[in-house]
Amino acid sequence: MTFLKDLSISEFLLFFVYLAIILVVKIIVLLLLRKLVPSKNFKLRIYPVIEDISNWLVLYGGILFFVFYFSKEQWLTSAFYETEGVEISVLLIIVAVLIVTFANRITKALTRYVMPFVYEQFDVDIGISYTINRLLYYLVMFLALAISFTTVGLDLTALGVVFSVLGIGIGFGVRNIAANFVSGIIILFERPMEVGEMVEIDGKIGRITKIKLRSTVIETLKEGTLVVPNQYFIEQIVRNRSSAQLYARVMVSVQYGSDTKKIEQLLNDSALKTISLLEEMPEKSVEVQLIDFRNSALDFQVEVQVVNVEMKENLESQIRHAIAEAFLHNNVKLAEGAYEE
């Protein structure tokens, strides 16, 4: 690469000094805006937009400044490689990178600031809007990559053949990734579950926050964030809790030979005593059932309808405390061994 001989280290250092000054000015302006404008509405709604615009200006202004600053340098426009009649230069690579980054940013801005108003006007629910946003992003990025590859002289047909050969060679190694990718597309199109819905995964209940091509992100109340491979939702039975009624359930196993009617009454009284202290209960009713016999145990289940997961976990704990107190006062013995579902 003979064009590297024309590079001036001092010119490059001076350019980065100018760029650093621009970045410092941007940071100072943003800090002053946060300090001088105390409005909460400004910080939540207007400031993020200003921050995004300033980032855009710095990024693309810096790239354009780079091009104009070195516009008289021969190394910027001189070809260092030629393929299929296309002369590849530093400027051409910059243009290709600009296409991809600009497409990425403009699509994210569109789905973040413009599309929500469109969805609101046409009363589009959150699940469908999320699917449209993801498909729009993937489509635009695919077109941007195709244009950038063509710009730098890459033959897309030949590139497709290369990827096909590589796909055969590494297919077994990435089959799980491919399966998750296809599962993600199926979830986005068929929408068996949507962003915002409550689902139960391995006994953990959480809300879906993101559906990506490879995995789905679920926020739980106490277990943190679950990143679940999309293939799981296609192959396993997943309970969708959004439309179903939510219940607090407590399982109790007592010794075989205990008075079942007495146990049922104690469980019912304990649960009623607990829910009578709560105000946000949808209904103050309790269902107690003798659900199973085992070798030396009688298994009971207490159910109370609740409105959310937080109430469910809190109420289950309080009911267990009440049951433990009632059993202690009435000399009721628990069965040996833990209850197994």
C-alpha atoms as a PDB file:
ATOM      1  CA  MET A   1       0.000   0.000   0.000  1.00  0.00           C
ATOM      2  CA  THR A   2       2.140   2.839  -1.330  1.00  0.00           C
ATOM      3  CA  PHE A   3      -0.457   5.484  -0.412  1.00  0.00           C
ATOM      4  CA  LEU A   4       0.513   5.051   3.263  1.00  0.00           C
ATOM      5  CA  LYS A   5       3.801   6.814   2.522  1.00  0.00           C
ATOM      6  CA  ASP A   6       1.869  10.048   1.953  1.00  0.00           C
ATOM      7  CA  LEU A   7       0.300  10.005   5.413  1.00  0.00           C
ATOM      8  CA  SER A   8       1.260  12.915   7.661  1.00  0.00           C
ATOM      9  CA  ILE A   9       1.361  12.039  11.350  1.00  0.00           C
ATOM     10  CA  SER A  10       1.234  15.688  12.381  1.00  0.00           C
ATOM     11  CA  GLU A  11      -1.868  16.301  10.253  1.00  0.00           C
ATOM     12  CA  PHE A  12      -3.594  13.297  11.836  1.00  0.00           C
ATOM     13  CA  LEU A  13      -2.733  14.445  15.355  1.00  0.00           C
ATOM     14  CA  LEU A  14      -4.043  17.915  14.615  1.00  0.00           C
ATOM     15  CA  PHE A  15      -7.272  16.437  13.222  1.00  0.00           C
ATOM     16  CA  PHE A  16      -7.841  14.408  16.397  1.00  0.00           C
ATOM     17  CA  VAL A  17      -7.195  17.503  18.510  1.00  0.00           C
ATOM     18  CA  TYR A  18      -9.980  19.309  16.615  1.00  0.00           C
ATOM     19  CA  LEU A  19     -12.236  16.255  17.038  1.00  0.00           C
ATOM     20  CA  ALA A  20     -11.550  16.148  20.778  1.00  0.00           C
ATOM     21  CA  ILE A  21     -12.503  19.825  21.064  1.00  0.00           C
ATOM     22  CA  ILE A  22     -15.820  19.101  19.317  1.00  0.00           C
ATOM     23  CA  LEU A  23     -16.549  16.216  21.728  1.00  0.00           C
ATOM     24  CA  VAL A  24     -15.721  18.339  24.769  1.00  0.00           C
ATOM     25  CA  VAL A  25     -18.013  21.139  23.539  1.00  0.00           C
ATOM     26  CA  LYS A  26     -20.842  18.634  23.030  1.00  0.00           C
ATOM     27  CA  ILE A  27     -20.421  17.213  26.543  1.00  0.00           C
ATOM     28  CA  ILE A  28     -20.341  20.713  28.105  1.00  0.00           C
ATOM     29  CA  VAL A  29     -23.476  21.802  26.234  1.00  0.00           C
ATOM     30  CA  LEU A  30     -25.395  18.702  27.325  1.00  0.00           C
ATOM     31  CA  LEU A  31     -24.296  19.123  30.945  1.00  0.00           C
ATOM     32  CA  LEU A  32     -25.353  22.786  30.929  1.00  0.00           C
ATOM     33  CA  LEU A  33     -28.772  21.847  29.534  1.00  0.00           C
ATOM     34  CA  ARG A  34     -29.315  19.328  32.331  1.00  0.00           C
ATOM     35  CA  LYS A  35     -28.229  21.826  34.990  1.00  0.00           C
ATOM     36  CA  LEU A  36     -29.956  24.960  33.684  1.00  0.00           C
ATOM     37  CA  VAL A  37     -33.300  23.387  32.758  1.00  0.00           C
ATOM     38  CA  PRO A  38     -34.752  21.732  35.892  1.00  0.00           C
ATOM     39  CA  SER A  39     -38.022  20.690  34.246  1.00  0.00           C
ATOM     40  CA  LYS A  40     -38.707  16.975  34.705  1.00  0.00           C
ATOM     41  CA  ASN A  41     -40.666  16.865  31.438  1.00  0.00           C
ATOM     42  CA  PHE A  42     -37.638  18.339  29.628  1.00  0.00           C
ATOM     43  CA  LYS A  43     -35.295  15.703  31.053  1.00  0.00           C
ATOM     44  CA  LEU A  44     -37.635  12.829  30.232  1.00  0.00           C
ATOM     45  CA  ARG A  45     -38.892  13.864  26.781  1.00  0.00           C
ATOM     46  CA  ILE A  46     -36.866  16.663  25.179  1.00  0.00           C
ATOM     47  CA  TYR A  47     -33.346  16.016  26.504  1.00  0.00           C
ATOM     48  CA  PRO A  48     -33.065  12.458  25.054  1.00  0.00           C
ATOM     49  CA  VAL A  49     -33.995  13.848  21.605  1.00  0.00           C
ATOM     50  CA  ILE A  50     -31.407  16.632  21.897  1.00  0.00           C
ATOM     51  CA  GLU A  51     -28.815  14.094  23.037  1.00  0.00           C
ATOM     52  CA  ASP A  52     -29.532  11.841  20.044  1.00  0.00           C
ATOM     53  CA  ILE A  53     -29.356  14.769  17.602  1.00  0.00           C
ATOM     54  CA  SER A  54     -26.054  15.955  19.102  1.00  0.00           C
ATOM     55  CA  ASN A  55     -24.622  12.438  18.795  1.00  0.00           C
ATOM     56  CA  TRP A  56     -25.703  12.374  15.151  1.00  0.00           C
ATOM     57  CA  LEU A  57     -24.121  15.750  14.483  1.00  0.00           C
ATOM     58  CA  VAL A  58     -20.846  14.791  16.159  1.00  0.00           C
ATOM     59  CA  LEU A  59     -20.591  11.426  14.385  1.00  0.00           C
ATOM     60  CA  TYR A  60     -21.468  12.498  10.850  1.00  0.00           C
ATOM     61  CA  GLY A  61     -19.982  15.961  11.285  1.00  0.00           C
ATOM     62  CA  GLY A  62     -16.744  14.293  12.355  1.00  0.00           C
ATOM     63  CA  ILE A  63     -16.752  12.017   9.308  1.00  0.00           C
ATOM     64  CA  LEU A  64     -17.483  14.898   6.916  1.00  0.00           C
ATOM     65  CA  PHE A  65     -14.848  17.011   8.666  1.00  0.00           C
ATOM     66  CA  PHE A  66     -12.387  14.153   8.139  1.00  0.00           C
ATOM     67  CA  VAL A  67     -13.210  14.015   4.413  1.00  0.00           C
ATOM     68  CA  PHE A  68     -12.923  17.785   3.891  1.00  0.00           C
ATOM     69  CA  TYR A  69      -9.851  18.107   6.099  1.00  0.00           C
ATOM     70  CA  PHE A  70      -7.940  15.553   4.042  1.00  0.00           C
ATOM     71  CA  SER A  71      -9.691  16.287   0.735  1.00  0.00           C
ATOM     72  CA  LYS A  72      -6.456  17.456  -0.892  1.00  0.00           C
ATOM     73  CA  GLU A  73      -4.547  14.357   0.206  1.00  0.00           C
ATOM     74  CA  GLN A  74      -3.974  11.855  -2.560  1.00  0.00           C
ATOM     75  CA  TRP A  75      -4.252   8.830  -0.287  1.00  0.00           C
ATOM     76  CA  LEU A  76      -7.922   9.597   0.404  1.00  0.00           C
ATOM     77  CA  THR A  77      -9.115   9.104  -3.175  1.00  0.00           C
ATOM     78  CA  SER A  78      -6.354   6.951  -4.645  1.00  0.00           C
ATOM     79  CA  ALA A  79      -7.306   3.334  -5.265  1.00  0.00           C
ATOM     80  CA  PHE A  80      -5.353   0.771  -3.260  1.00  0.00           C
ATOM     81  CA  TYR A  81      -7.320  -2.211  -4.595  1.00  0.00           C
ATOM     82  CA  GLU A  82      -9.390  -3.005  -7.667  1.00  0.00           C
ATOM     83  CA  THR A  83     -12.054  -5.688  -8.087  1.00  0.00           C
ATOM     84  CA  GLU A  84     -14.636  -6.260 -10.813  1.00  0.00           C
ATOM     85  CA  GLY A  85     -13.703  -2.909 -12.359  1.00  0.00           C
ATOM     86  CA  VAL A  86     -14.344  -1.024  -9.090  1.00  0.00           C
ATOM     87  CA  GLU A  87     -11.426   0.919  -7.644  1.00  0.00           C
ATOM     88  CA  ILE A  88     -11.452   0.693  -3.845  1.00  0.00           C
ATOM     89  CA  SER A  89     -10.237   3.760  -1.965  1.00  0.00           C
ATOM     90  CA  VAL A  90     -10.395   5.025   1.600  1.00  0.00           C
ATOM     91  CA  LEU A  91     -13.163   7.433   0.598  1.00  0.00           C
ATOM     92  CA  LEU A  92     -15.214   4.604  -0.901  1.00  0.00           C
ATOM     93  CA  ILE A  93     -14.925   2.576   2.315  1.00  0.00           C
ATOM     94  CA  ILE A  94     -16.003   5.628   4.329  1.00  0.00           C
ATOM     95  CA  VAL A  95     -19.060   6.004   2.101  1.00  0.00           C
ATOM     96  CA  ALA A  96     -19.958   2.296   2.605  1.00  0.00           C
ATOM     97  CA  VAL A  97     -19.634   2.635   6.389  1.00  0.00           C
ATOM     98  CA  LEU A  98     -21.737   5.813   6.288  1.00  0.00           C
ATOM     99  CA  ILE A  99     -24.531   3.973   4.456  1.00  0.00           C
ATOM    100  CA  VAL A 100     -24.732   1.220   7.084  1.00  0.00           C
ATOM    101  CA  THR A 101     -24.435   3.460  10.157  1.00  0.00           C
ATOM    102  CA  PHE A 102     -26.877   6.029   8.790  1.00  0.00           C
ATOM    103  CA  ALA A 103     -29.422   3.305   7.963  1.00  0.00           C
ATOM    104  CA  ASN A 104     -29.046   1.895  11.480  1.00  0.00           C
ATOM    105  CA  ARG A 105     -29.524   5.264  13.182  1.00  0.00           C
ATOM    106  CA  ILE A 106     -32.347   6.526  10.980  1.00  0.00           C
ATOM    107  CA  THR A 107     -34.296   3.275  11.452  1.00  0.00           C
ATOM    108  CA  LYS A 108     -33.899   3.361  15.228  1.00  0.00           C
ATOM    109  CA  ALA A 109     -34.949   7.025  15.309  1.00  0.00           C
ATOM    110  CA  LEU A 110     -37.969   6.253  13.139  1.00  0.00           C
ATOM    111  CA  THR A 111     -39.146   3.376  15.353  1.00  0.00           C
ATOM    112  CA  ARG A 112     -38.469   5.348  18.534  1.00  0.00           C
ATOM    113  CA  TYR A 113     -39.922   8.773  17.739  1.00  0.00           C
ATOM    114  CA  VAL A 114     -42.210   8.491  14.687  1.00  0.00           C
ATOM    115  CA  MET A 115     -43.783   5.034  14.614  1.00  0.00           C
ATOM    116  CA  PRO A 116     -45.313   5.242  18.141  1.00  0.00           C
ATOM    117  CA  PHE A 117     -47.509   8.136  16.973  1.00  0.00           C
ATOM    118  CA  VAL A 118     -48.569   6.118  13.908  1.00  0.00           C
ATOM    119  CA  TYR A 119     -49.440   3.094  16.069  1.00  0.00           C
ATOM    120  CA  GLU A 120     -51.401   5.324  18.438  1.00  0.00           C
ATOM    121  CA  GLN A 121     -53.435   6.808  15.573  1.00  0.00           C
ATOM    122  CA  PHE A 122     -54.355   3.387  14.179  1.00  0.00           C
ATOM    123  CA  ASP A 123     -54.756   1.756  17.626  1.00  0.00           C
ATOM    124  CA  VAL A 124     -52.075  -0.876  16.996  1.00  0.00           C
ATOM    125  CA  ASP A 125     -51.352  -3.008  20.084  1.00  0.00           C
ATOM    126  CA  ILE A 126     -47.866  -3.246  21.553  1.00  0.00           C
ATOM    127  CA  GLY A 127     -47.180  -6.784  20.261  1.00  0.00           C
ATOM    128  CA  ILE A 128     -47.920  -5.993  16.609  1.00  0.00           C
ATOM    129  CA  SER A 129     -46.056  -2.663  16.788  1.00  0.00           C
ATOM    130  CA  TYR A 130     -42.967  -4.407  18.166  1.00  0.00           C
ATOM    131  CA  THR A 131     -43.097  -6.977  15.347  1.00  0.00           C
ATOM    132  CA  ILE A 132     -43.391  -4.242  12.709  1.00  0.00           C
ATOM    133  CA  ASN A 133     -40.450  -2.333  14.236  1.00  0.00           C
ATOM    134  CA  ARG A 134     -38.179  -5.386  14.218  1.00  0.00           C
ATOM    135  CA  LEU A 135     -39.091  -6.405  10.663  1.00  0.00           C
ATOM    136  CA  LEU A 136     -38.601  -2.826   9.448  1.00  0.00           C
ATOM    137  CA  TYR A 137     -35.177  -2.682  11.101  1.00  0.00           C
ATOM    138  CA  TYR A 138     -34.006  -6.000   9.628  1.00  0.00           C
ATOM    139  CA  LEU A 139     -35.271  -5.079   6.136  1.00  0.00           C
ATOM    140  CA  VAL A 140     -33.559  -1.669   6.115  1.00  0.00           C
ATOM    141  CA  MET A 141     -30.286  -3.067   7.468  1.00  0.00           C
ATOM    142  CA  PHE A 142     -30.299  -5.878   4.886  1.00  0.00           C
ATOM    143  CA  LEU A 143     -30.744  -3.342   2.065  1.00  0.00           C
ATOM    144  CA  ALA A 144     -28.065  -1.053   3.553  1.00  0.00           C
ATOM    145  CA  LEU A 145     -25.568  -3.912   3.790  1.00  0.00           C
ATOM    146  CA  ALA A 146     -26.351  -4.998   0.230  1.00  0.00           C
ATOM    147  CA  ILE A 147     -25.801  -1.439  -1.062  1.00  0.00           C
ATOM    148  CA  SER A 148     -22.567  -1.012   0.914  1.00  0.00           C
ATOM    149  CA  PHE A 149     -21.206  -4.355  -0.335  1.00  0.00           C
ATOM    150  CA  THR A 150     -22.024  -3.365  -3.906  1.00  0.00           C
ATOM    151  CA  THR A 151     -20.412   0.050  -3.381  1.00  0.00           C
ATOM    152  CA  VAL A 152     -17.059  -1.488  -2.459  1.00  0.00           C
ATOM    153  CA  GLY A 153     -17.240  -3.901  -5.382  1.00  0.00           C
ATOM    154  CA  LEU A 154     -18.315  -7.125  -3.690  1.00  0.00           C
ATOM    155  CA  ASP A 155     -20.305  -9.454  -5.948  1.00  0.00           C
ATOM    156  CA  LEU A 156     -23.413 -10.424  -3.965  1.00  0.00           C
ATOM    157  CA  THR A 157     -23.896 -13.569  -6.075  1.00  0.00           C
ATOM    158  CA  ALA A 158     -20.388 -14.777  -5.348  1.00  0.00           C
ATOM    159  CA  LEU A 159     -20.820 -13.760  -1.722  1.00  0.00           C
ATOM    160  CA  GLY A 160     -23.985 -15.869  -1.525  1.00  0.00           C
ATOM    161  CA  VAL A 161     -22.143 -18.909  -2.884  1.00  0.00           C
ATOM    162  CA  VAL A 162     -19.368 -18.437  -0.325  1.00  0.00           C
ATOM    163  CA  PHE A 163     -21.868 -18.220   2.539  1.00  0.00           C
ATOM    164  CA  SER A 164     -23.665 -21.320   1.236  1.00  0.00           C
ATOM    165  CA  VAL A 165     -20.442 -23.329   1.252  1.00  0.00           C
ATOM    166  CA  LEU A 166     -19.532 -22.037   4.712  1.00  0.00           C
ATOM    167  CA  GLY A 167     -23.062 -22.822   5.882  1.00  0.00           C
ATOM    168  CA  ILE A 168     -22.704 -26.457   4.877  1.00  0.00           C
ATOM    169  CA  GLY A 169     -19.318 -26.703   6.574  1.00  0.00           C
ATOM    170  CA  ILE A 170     -20.342 -25.184   9.902  1.00  0.00           C
ATOM    171  CA  GLY A 171     -24.007 -26.158   9.812  1.00  0.00           C
ATOM    172  CA  PHE A 172     -23.690 -28.745  12.558  1.00  0.00           C
ATOM    173  CA  GLY A 173     -21.778 -26.346  14.758  1.00  0.00           C
ATOM    174  CA  VAL A 174     -24.371 -23.559  14.558  1.00  0.00           C
ATOM    175  CA  ARG A 175     -27.567 -25.573  14.181  1.00  0.00           C
ATOM    176  CA  ASN A 176     -28.831 -24.384  17.564  1.00  0.00           C
ATOM    177  CA  ILE A 177     -28.224 -20.755  16.587  1.00  0.00           C
ATOM    178  CA  ALA A 178     -30.014 -21.351  13.278  1.00  0.00           C
ATOM    179  CA  ALA A 179     -32.909 -23.039  15.091  1.00  0.00           C
ATOM    180  CA  ASN A 180     -33.236 -20.090  17.483  1.00  0.00           C
ATOM    181  CA  PHE A 181     -33.067 -17.670  14.536  1.00  0.00           C
ATOM    182  CA  VAL A 182     -35.892 -19.462  12.682  1.00  0.00           C
ATOM    183  CA  SER A 183     -37.889 -19.722  15.921  1.00  0.00           C
ATOM    184  CA  GLY A 184     -37.509 -15.961  16.404  1.00  0.00           C
ATOM    185  CA  ILE A 185     -38.950 -15.313  12.945  1.00  0.00           C
ATOM    186  CA  ILE A 186     -41.858 -17.696  13.687  1.00  0.00           C
ATOM    187  CA  ILE A 187     -42.601 -15.873  16.977  1.00  0.00           C
ATOM    188  CA  LEU A 188     -42.497 -12.463  15.277  1.00  0.00           C
ATOM    189  CA  PHE A 189     -44.903 -13.543  12.509  1.00  0.00           C
ATOM    190  CA  GLU A 190     -47.260 -15.966  14.289  1.00  0.00           C
ATOM    191  CA  ARG A 191     -47.157 -13.994  17.577  1.00  0.00           C
ATOM    192  CA  PRO A 192     -48.021 -16.863  19.969  1.00  0.00           C
ATOM    193  CA  MET A 193     -46.769 -14.427  22.601  1.00  0.00           C
ATOM    194  CA  GLU A 194     -46.096 -10.707  22.422  1.00  0.00           C
ATOM    195  CA  VAL A 195     -44.079  -8.015  24.167  1.00  0.00           C
ATOM    196  CA  GLY A 196     -45.807  -6.995  27.393  1.00  0.00           C
ATOM    197  CA  GLU A 197     -47.446 -10.355  28.059  1.00  0.00           C
ATOM    198  CA  MET A 198     -46.905 -12.399  31.233  1.00  0.00           C
ATOM    199  CA  VAL A 199     -45.491 -15.916  30.768  1.00  0.00           C
ATOM    200  CA  GLU A 200     -44.375 -18.702  33.090  1.00  0.00           C
ATOM    201  CA  ILE A 201     -40.967 -20.322  32.439  1.00  0.00           C
ATOM    202  CA  ASP A 202     -39.859 -23.176  34.725  1.00  0.00           C
ATOM    203  CA  GLY A 203     -42.104 -21.934  37.518  1.00  0.00           C
ATOM    204  CA  LYS A 204     -40.903 -18.325  37.152  1.00  0.00           C
ATOM    205  CA  ILE A 205     -43.433 -15.710  36.037  1.00  0.00           C
ATOM    206  CA  GLY A 206     -42.254 -12.630  34.175  1.00  0.00           C
ATOM    207  CA  ARG A 207     -43.134 -10.058  31.534  1.00  0.00           C
ATOM    208  CA  ILE A 208     -41.741 -10.217  27.983  1.00  0.00           C
ATOM    209  CA  THR A 209     -39.756  -7.040  27.262  1.00  0.00           C
ATOM    210  CA  LYS A 210     -37.935  -7.929  24.030  1.00  0.00           C
ATOM    211  CA  ILE A 211     -38.284 -10.525  21.279  1.00  0.00           C
ATOM    212  CA  LYS A 212     -35.035 -10.713  19.331  1.00  0.00           C
ATOM    213  CA  LEU A 213     -34.120 -13.068  16.500  1.00  0.00           C
ATOM    214  CA  ARG A 214     -32.066 -15.393  18.710  1.00  0.00           C
ATOM    215  CA  SER A 215     -33.615 -14.984  22.156  1.00  0.00           C
ATOM    216  CA  THR A 216     -36.441 -13.461  24.159  1.00  0.00           C
ATOM    217  CA  VAL A 217     -35.871 -11.266  27.222  1.00  0.00           C
ATOM    218  CA  ILE A 218     -38.201 -11.731  30.212  1.00  0.00           C
ATOM    219  CA  GLU A 219     -38.166  -9.490  33.290  1.00  0.00           C
ATOM    220  CA  THR A 220     -39.166 -11.292  36.480  1.00  0.00           C
ATOM    221  CA  LEU A 221     -39.991  -9.760  39.831  1.00  0.00           C
ATOM    222  CA  LYS A 222     -37.176 -11.281  41.909  1.00  0.00           C
ATOM    223  CA  GLU A 223     -35.141 -13.636  39.698  1.00  0.00           C
ATOM    224  CA  GLY A 224     -33.877 -10.790  37.509  1.00  0.00           C
ATOM    225  CA  THR A 225     -33.748 -10.911  33.721  1.00  0.00           C
ATOM    226  CA  LEU A 226     -34.208 -14.213  31.894  1.00  0.00           C
ATOM    227  CA  VAL A 227     -32.726 -14.557  28.393  1.00  0.00           C
ATOM    228  CA  VAL A 228     -34.571 -17.523  26.883  1.00  0.00           C
ATOM    229  CA  PRO A 229     -33.577 -19.073  23.522  1.00  0.00           C
ATOM    230  CA  ASN A 230     -36.466 -18.730  21.054  1.00  0.00           C
ATOM    231  CA  GLN A 231     -36.367 -22.445  20.288  1.00  0.00           C
ATOM    232  CA  TYR A 232     -37.651 -23.074  23.832  1.00  0.00           C
ATOM    233  CA  PHE A 233     -40.961 -21.324  23.058  1.00  0.00           C
ATOM    234  CA  ILE A 234     -41.504 -23.450  19.948  1.00  0.00           C
ATOM    235  CA  GLU A 235     -40.592 -26.848  21.432  1.00  0.00           C
ATOM    236  CA  GLN A 236     -41.730 -26.525  25.060  1.00  0.00           C
ATOM    237  CA  ILE A 237     -45.081 -25.855  26.702  1.00  0.00           C
ATOM    238  CA  VAL A 238     -45.097 -22.237  27.868  1.00  0.00           C
ATOM    239  CA  ARG A 239     -47.954 -20.869  29.962  1.00  0.00           C
ATOM    240  CA  ASN A 240     -49.223 -17.473  28.900  1.00  0.00           C
ATOM    241  CA  ARG A 241     -50.522 -15.817  32.061  1.00  0.00           C
ATOM    242  CA  SER A 242     -51.739 -12.555  30.478  1.00  0.00           C
ATOM    243  CA  SER A 243     -55.341 -13.568  29.818  1.00  0.00           C
ATOM    244  CA  ALA A 244     -55.567 -16.191  32.575  1.00  0.00           C
ATOM    245  CA  GLN A 245     -56.537 -15.435  36.152  1.00  0.00           C
ATOM    246  CA  LEU A 246     -53.585 -15.398  38.534  1.00  0.00           C
ATOM    247  CA  TYR A 247     -53.770 -17.358  41.791  1.00  0.00           C
ATOM    248  CA  ALA A 248     -51.676 -17.579  44.925  1.00  0.00           C
ATOM    249  CA  ARG A 249     -51.234 -21.303  45.641  1.00  0.00           C
ATOM    250  CA  VAL A 250     -49.972 -22.969  48.797  1.00  0.00           C
ATOM    251  CA  MET A 251     -49.410 -26.736  48.998  1.00  0.00           C
ATOM    252  CA  VAL A 252     -49.580 -28.453  52.406  1.00  0.00           C
ATOM    253  CA  SER A 253     -48.949 -32.124  53.239  1.00  0.00           C
ATOM    254  CA  VAL A 254     -50.191 -33.480  56.584  1.00  0.00           C
ATOM    255  CA  GLN A 255     -49.839 -36.907  58.172  1.00  0.00           C
ATOM    256  CA  TYR A 256     -52.119 -39.651  56.876  1.00  0.00           C
ATOM    257  CA  GLY A 257     -54.951 -40.232  59.372  1.00  0.00           C
ATOM    258  CA  SER A 258     -55.484 -36.551  60.151  1.00  0.00           C
ATOM    259  CA  ASP A 259     -59.051 -35.243  60.267  1.00  0.00           C
ATOM    260  CA  THR A 260     -59.457 -33.971  56.664  1.00  0.00           C
ATOM    261  CA  LYS A 261     -62.459 -31.757  57.464  1.00  0.00           C
ATOM    262  CA  LYS A 262     -60.616 -30.147  60.351  1.00  0.00           C
ATOM    263  CA  ILE A 263     -57.517 -29.564  58.205  1.00  0.00           C
ATOM    264  CA  GLU A 264     -59.630 -28.058  55.440  1.00  0.00           C
ATOM    265  CA  GLN A 265     -61.308 -25.701  57.911  1.00  0.00           C
ATOM    266  CA  LEU A 266     -57.973 -24.645  59.430  1.00  0.00           C
ATOM    267  CA  LEU A 267     -56.543 -23.900  55.969  1.00  0.00           C
ATOM    268  CA  ASN A 268     -59.641 -21.961  54.959  1.00  0.00           C
ATOM    269  CA  ASP A 269     -59.649 -19.888  58.173  1.00  0.00           C
ATOM    270  CA  SER A 270     -55.919 -19.158  57.880  1.00  0.00           C
ATOM    271  CA  ALA A 271     -56.247 -17.922  54.296  1.00  0.00           C
ATOM    272  CA  LEU A 272     -59.361 -15.829  55.050  1.00  0.00           C
ATOM    273  CA  LYS A 273     -57.641 -14.262  58.045  1.00  0.00           C
ATOM    274  CA  THR A 274     -54.695 -13.300  55.840  1.00  0.00           C
ATOM    275  CA  ILE A 275     -56.636 -11.809  52.913  1.00  0.00           C
ATOM    276  CA  SER A 276     -58.961  -9.871  55.233  1.00  0.00           C
ATOM    277  CA  LEU A 277     -55.969  -7.646  56.023  1.00  0.00           C
ATOM    278  CA  LEU A 278     -55.375  -6.797  52.346  1.00  0.00           C
ATOM    279  CA  GLU A 279     -57.273  -4.080  50.478  1.00  0.00           C
ATOM    280  CA  GLU A 280     -56.497  -4.780  46.786  1.00  0.00           C
ATOM    281  CA  MET A 281     -57.880  -8.320  46.636  1.00  0.00           C
ATOM    282  CA  PRO A 282     -60.132  -8.910  43.568  1.00  0.00           C
ATOM    283  CA  GLU A 283     -62.372 -11.148  45.690  1.00  0.00           C
ATOM    284  CA  LYS A 284     -62.124 -12.262  49.310  1.00  0.00           C
ATOM    285  CA  SER A 285     -62.781 -15.949  48.694  1.00  0.00           C
ATOM    286  CA  VAL A 286     -60.638 -19.025  49.308  1.00  0.00           C
ATOM    287  CA  GLU A 287     -60.671 -22.448  47.681  1.00  0.00           C
ATOM    288  CA  VAL A 288     -59.248 -25.394  49.654  1.00  0.00           C
ATOM    289  CA  GLN A 289     -58.945 -28.842  48.069  1.00  0.00           C
ATOM    290  CA  LEU A 290     -57.687 -32.267  49.097  1.00  0.00           C
ATOM    291  CA  ILE A 291     -55.714 -32.920  45.909  1.00  0.00           C
ATOM    292  CA  ASP A 292     -53.827 -36.185  46.486  1.00  0.00           C
ATOM    293  CA  PHE A 293     -53.107 -39.235  48.668  1.00  0.00           C
ATOM    294  CA  ARG A 294     -49.608 -40.512  49.228  1.00  0.00           C
ATOM    295  CA  ASN A 295     -48.137 -43.398  51.266  1.00  0.00           C
ATOM    296  CA  SER A 296     -48.155 -41.485  54.526  1.00  0.00           C
ATOM    297  CA  ALA A 297     -49.507 -38.078  53.593  1.00  0.00           C
ATOM    298  CA  LEU A 298     -52.575 -36.116  52.604  1.00  0.00           C
ATOM    299  CA  ASP A 299     -51.906 -33.250  50.181  1.00  0.00           C
ATOM    300  CA  PHE A 300     -54.006 -30.080  50.352  1.00  0.00           C
ATOM    301  CA  GLN A 301     -53.982 -27.005  48.125  1.00  0.00           C
ATOM    302  CA  VAL A 302     -55.082 -23.474  49.026  1.00  0.00           C
ATOM    303  CA  GLU A 303     -55.947 -21.075  46.180  1.00  0.00           C
ATOM    304  CA  VAL A 304     -56.689 -17.335  46.322  1.00  0.00           C
ATOM    305  CA  GLN A 305     -57.141 -15.099  43.280  1.00  0.00           C
ATOM    306  CA  VAL A 306     -54.679 -12.166  43.041  1.00  0.00           C
ATOM    307  CA  VAL A 307     -54.084  -9.274  40.639  1.00  0.00           C
ATOM    308  CA  ASN A 308     -50.326  -9.453  40.014  1.00  0.00           C
ATOM    309  CA  VAL A 309     -47.174 -11.505  40.595  1.00  0.00           C
ATOM    310  CA  GLU A 310     -45.929  -9.332  43.450  1.00  0.00           C
ATOM    311  CA  MET A 311     -49.163  -9.833  45.379  1.00  0.00           C
ATOM    312  CA  LYS A 312     -49.048 -13.577  44.605  1.00  0.00           C
ATOM    313  CA  GLU A 313     -45.613 -14.120  46.174  1.00  0.00           C
ATOM    314  CA  ASN A 314     -46.327 -11.887  49.167  1.00  0.00           C
ATOM    315  CA  LEU A 315     -49.702 -13.495  49.858  1.00  0.00           C
ATOM    316  CA  GLU A 316     -48.324 -17.060  49.581  1.00  0.00           C
ATOM    317  CA  SER A 317     -45.727 -16.242  52.239  1.00  0.00           C
ATOM    318  CA  GLN A 318     -48.307 -14.701  54.596  1.00  0.00           C
ATOM    319  CA  ILE A 319     -50.697 -17.637  54.178  1.00  0.00           C
ATOM    320  CA  ARG A 320     -47.883 -20.073  55.047  1.00  0.00           C
ATOM    321  CA  HIS A 321     -47.187 -18.112  58.245  1.00  0.00           C
ATOM    322  CA  ALA A 322     -50.874 -18.252  59.188  1.00  0.00           C
ATOM    323  CA  ILE A 323     -51.087 -22.000  58.456  1.00  0.00           C
ATOM    324  CA  ALA A 324     -47.967 -22.718  60.516  1.00  0.00           C
ATOM    325  CA  GLU A 325     -49.468 -20.837  63.459  1.00  0.00           C
ATOM    326  CA  ALA A 326     -52.842 -22.641  63.127  1.00  0.00           C
ATOM    327  CA  PHE A 327     -51.210 -26.089  62.888  1.00  0.00           C
ATOM    328  CA  LEU A 328     -49.048 -25.361  65.936  1.00  0.00           C
ATOM    329  CA  HIS A 329     -52.038 -24.379  68.072  1.00  0.00           C
ATOM    330  CA  ASN A 330     -54.095 -27.394  66.935  1.00  0.00           C
ATOM    331  CA  ASN A 331     -51.275 -29.961  67.161  1.00  0.00           C
ATOM    332  CA  VAL A 332     -51.404 -30.848  63.440  1.00  0.00           C
ATOM    333  CA  LYS A 333     -48.328 -32.709  62.201  1.00  0.00           C
ATOM    334  CA  LEU A 334     -46.885 -32.251  58.715  1.00  0.00           C
ATOM    335  CA  ALA A 335     -46.099 -35.331  56.633  1.00  0.00           C
ATOM    336  CA  GLU A 336     -42.492 -36.494  56.502  1.00  0.00           C
ATOM    337  CA  GLY A 337     -40.608 -35.388  53.412  1.00  0.00           C
ATOM    338  CA  ALA A 338     -41.152 -32.329  51.232  1.00  0.00           C
ATOM    339  CA  TYR A 339     -44.105 -32.046  48.904  1.00  0.00           C
ATOM    340  CA  GLU A 340     -43.204 -32.989  45.338  1.00  0.00           C
ATOM    341  CA  GLU A 341     -45.300 -31.780  42.407  1.00  0.00           C
END
